[in-house]
Amino acid sequence: MTQTVIPQFRITNAERSIAFYVEGLGFEIDWEHRFEPGFPVFMQLTRSGQTIFLTEHAGDCEVGGAAYFVVSDVDACYRQFMARGVTAIEPPEDTPWETREMVVTDPDGNRLRFASPATT
């Protein structure tokens, strides 16, 4: 299935956010754009076929966004993140709607929920 919506998160410090998303969560930078050196960045990152935009541009969106990522195994994802120093604010748990979910926040407070179907 092709992703048709790309979440966009406002960030306030590109270097700090790149460290979190790339080193911590395993995203790869597809491209980044600045009008000139020292100007705000706009970038695209992808992890396991799921793409996001990060922007330092104040008018693009507000800090405090959220996105829901469907992954094949949220527990494996959790272990991978923890091994890379990322702390979940909500560790994996089963939900009444038959998923297993966890939540992490980025350095700016954007919430990233990762979920997989609950196992029976």
Protein backbone atom coordinates (compact mmCIF):
# COMPACT_ATOMS: atom_id res chain seq x y z
CA MET A 1 0.00 0.00 0.00
CA THR A 2 1.29 3.45 -0.87
CA GLN A 3 1.39 6.14 1.80
CA THR A 4 -0.80 9.01 0.66
CA VAL A 5 -0.54 11.40 3.62
CA ILE A 6 2.74 12.80 4.96
CA PRO A 7 2.68 14.16 8.52
CA GLN A 8 4.61 17.38 9.06
CA PHE A 9 6.20 18.30 12.39
CA ARG A 10 7.49 21.68 13.51
CA ILE A 11 10.96 21.47 15.04
CA THR A 12 13.02 24.19 16.70
CA ASN A 13 16.54 22.74 16.41
CA ALA A 14 17.41 20.71 13.31
CA GLU A 15 20.57 19.12 14.70
CA ARG A 16 18.80 17.92 17.84
CA SER A 17 15.84 16.62 15.82
CA ILE A 18 18.05 14.86 13.27
CA ALA A 19 19.83 13.05 16.12
CA PHE A 20 16.49 11.94 17.56
CA TYR A 21 14.83 10.85 14.32
CA VAL A 22 17.88 9.34 12.59
CA GLU A 23 19.98 7.94 15.44
CA GLY A 24 17.11 7.24 17.84
CA LEU A 25 14.21 6.14 15.66
CA GLY A 26 16.05 4.89 12.58
CA PHE A 27 14.67 7.32 9.99
CA GLU A 28 16.82 8.21 7.00
CA ILE A 29 17.03 11.72 5.54
CA ASP A 30 15.73 11.66 1.97
CA TRP A 31 16.47 15.33 1.32
CA GLU A 32 16.67 18.69 3.05
CA HIS A 33 16.27 22.24 1.81
CA ARG A 34 17.40 25.66 3.07
CA PHE A 35 17.06 28.82 1.03
CA GLU A 36 20.53 29.84 2.23
CA PRO A 37 23.01 28.58 4.83
CA GLY A 38 21.73 29.43 8.30
CA PHE A 39 18.10 29.62 7.16
CA PRO A 40 15.40 27.28 8.55
CA VAL A 41 15.42 23.73 7.20
CA PHE A 42 12.61 21.72 5.61
CA MET A 43 13.38 18.01 5.25
CA GLN A 44 11.88 14.67 4.36
CA LEU A 45 12.71 11.51 6.32
CA THR A 46 11.61 7.91 5.80
CA ARG A 47 11.59 4.83 8.03
CA SER A 48 10.33 1.46 6.78
CA GLY A 49 8.38 3.08 3.95
CA GLN A 50 6.76 5.72 6.19
CA THR A 51 7.61 9.33 5.37
CA ILE A 52 7.47 12.50 7.47
CA PHE A 53 8.39 16.14 6.95
CA LEU A 54 10.29 18.17 9.57
CA THR A 55 10.29 21.96 9.33
CA GLU A 56 11.93 24.80 11.23
CA HIS A 57 9.74 27.33 9.38
CA ALA A 58 7.52 29.00 11.99
CA GLY A 59 4.57 29.48 9.64
CA ASP A 60 4.34 25.88 8.41
CA CYS A 61 2.77 24.30 11.51
CA GLU A 62 2.91 24.40 15.29
CA VAL A 63 4.97 22.37 17.74
CA GLY A 64 2.92 19.70 19.48
CA GLY A 65 1.70 17.62 16.55
CA ALA A 66 1.01 13.90 16.56
CA ALA A 67 1.15 11.00 14.12
CA TYR A 68 0.19 7.32 14.20
CA PHE A 69 2.59 4.82 12.61
CA VAL A 70 1.49 1.26 11.91
CA VAL A 71 4.43 -1.13 12.30
CA SER A 72 4.65 -4.90 11.99
CA ASP A 73 5.87 -5.49 15.58
CA VAL A 74 5.56 -2.68 18.11
CA ASP A 75 7.48 -4.64 20.76
CA ALA A 76 10.48 -5.07 18.46
CA CYS A 77 10.21 -1.37 17.59
CA TYR A 78 10.18 -0.54 21.31
CA ARG A 79 13.28 -2.65 21.99
CA GLN A 80 15.08 -1.02 19.07
CA PHE A 81 14.22 2.49 20.26
CA MET A 82 15.22 1.76 23.87
CA ALA A 83 18.56 0.32 22.72
CA ARG A 84 19.16 3.62 20.92
CA GLY A 85 18.39 5.70 24.02
CA VAL A 86 14.82 6.74 23.18
CA THR A 87 12.42 6.67 26.13
CA ALA A 88 8.77 5.86 25.55
CA ILE A 89 6.29 7.98 27.48
CA GLU A 90 3.86 5.08 27.07
CA PRO A 91 5.45 1.62 26.71
CA PRO A 92 3.73 -1.00 24.53
CA GLU A 93 0.34 -2.05 25.82
CA ASP A 94 -2.74 -3.74 24.42
CA THR A 95 -5.72 -1.52 23.67
CA PRO A 96 -9.47 -2.25 23.72
CA TRP A 97 -9.50 -1.72 19.93
CA GLU A 98 -7.21 -4.74 19.40
CA THR A 99 -3.91 -3.01 18.77
CA ARG A 100 -0.69 -2.87 20.75
CA GLU A 101 0.65 0.69 20.97
CA MET A 102 3.44 2.81 22.41
CA VAL A 103 4.15 6.55 22.37
CA VAL A 104 7.38 8.53 22.19
CA THR A 105 7.82 12.29 22.01
CA ASP A 106 10.47 14.11 20.03
CA PRO A 107 12.63 16.86 21.58
CA ASP A 108 9.98 19.46 20.69
CA GLY A 109 7.05 17.57 22.20
CA ASN A 110 5.56 16.12 19.01
CA ARG A 111 3.90 12.77 19.83
CA LEU A 112 4.65 9.67 17.78
CA ARG A 113 2.40 6.68 18.38
CA PHE A 114 3.57 3.32 17.01
CA ALA A 115 1.10 0.45 16.77
CA SER A 116 0.68 -3.08 15.50
CA PRO A 117 -2.23 -5.52 15.62
CA ALA A 118 -2.59 -7.11 19.05
CA THR A 119 -1.52 -10.74 19.21
CA THR A 120 -3.94 -13.25 20.63
